[in-house]
Amino acid sequence: MSVLTAVSIAGGFTFRAKTDSAVIVRGQDNKMAKGKATPETRVQPGDTISIAEGWF
């Protein structure tokens, strides 16, 4: 599943969402890793996706 698919399942982007700016937090081997993601980035079970907001 991609970031875009996961966001769509969760209800889609809000009008303030920066659709080109996502961050995935992934836990591996009892460690947390954080990295930038594109809409096509694959997500894994347990990942947390954060989408930035734009105000202007």
Protein backbone atom coordinates (compact mmCIF):
# COMPACT_ATOMS: atom_id res chain seq x y z
CA MET A 1 0.00 0.00 0.00
CA SER A 2 1.29 3.48 -0.81
CA VAL A 3 1.09 6.64 1.29
CA LEU A 4 -1.54 7.99 -1.11
CA THR A 5 -3.70 4.86 -0.75
CA ALA A 6 -3.43 4.95 3.05
CA VAL A 7 -4.43 8.63 3.13
CA SER A 8 -7.38 7.90 0.83
CA ILE A 9 -8.58 5.08 3.10
CA ALA A 10 -8.27 7.42 6.10
CA GLY A 11 -10.58 9.98 4.49
CA GLY A 12 -8.29 11.89 2.15
CA PHE A 13 -6.35 15.13 2.41
CA THR A 14 -7.81 18.24 4.04
CA PHE A 15 -7.79 21.52 2.15
CA ARG A 16 -4.72 22.62 4.15
CA ALA A 17 -2.66 19.48 3.51
CA LYS A 18 0.68 19.76 1.74
CA THR A 19 0.09 16.78 -0.52
CA ASP A 20 3.75 16.59 -1.52
CA SER A 21 5.04 16.54 2.07
CA ALA A 22 4.69 13.36 4.13
CA VAL A 23 6.73 11.86 6.95
CA ILE A 24 6.68 8.19 7.92
CA VAL A 25 7.65 6.98 11.38
CA ARG A 26 8.58 3.33 11.30
CA GLY A 27 9.55 1.09 14.20
CA GLN A 28 12.13 -1.58 13.39
CA ASP A 29 13.99 -3.80 15.85
CA ASN A 30 12.75 -1.72 18.82
CA LYS A 31 14.09 1.47 17.19
CA MET A 32 12.14 4.31 15.65
CA ALA A 33 13.10 5.66 12.23
CA LYS A 34 11.68 8.84 10.73
CA GLY A 35 11.96 9.81 7.08
CA LYS A 36 10.44 11.85 4.30
CA ALA A 37 8.06 10.12 1.93
CA THR A 38 6.43 10.74 -1.43
CA PRO A 39 2.82 9.78 -2.24
CA GLU A 40 4.18 6.63 -3.92
CA THR A 41 6.27 5.47 -0.92
CA ARG A 42 5.25 2.04 0.35
CA VAL A 43 3.99 1.81 3.92
CA GLN A 44 4.32 -1.18 6.21
CA PRO A 45 2.10 -2.41 9.04
CA GLY A 46 2.63 -0.23 12.11
CA ASP A 47 3.86 2.83 10.19
CA THR A 48 2.60 6.26 11.23
CA ILE A 49 2.07 8.79 8.44
CA SER A 50 2.12 12.55 9.10
CA ILE A 51 1.10 15.09 6.47
CA ALA A 52 2.29 18.69 6.84
CA GLU A 53 -0.11 21.62 6.68
CA GLY A 54 0.25 24.73 4.59
CA TRP A 55 -1.38 27.96 5.65
CA PHE A 56 -0.89 30.04 2.51
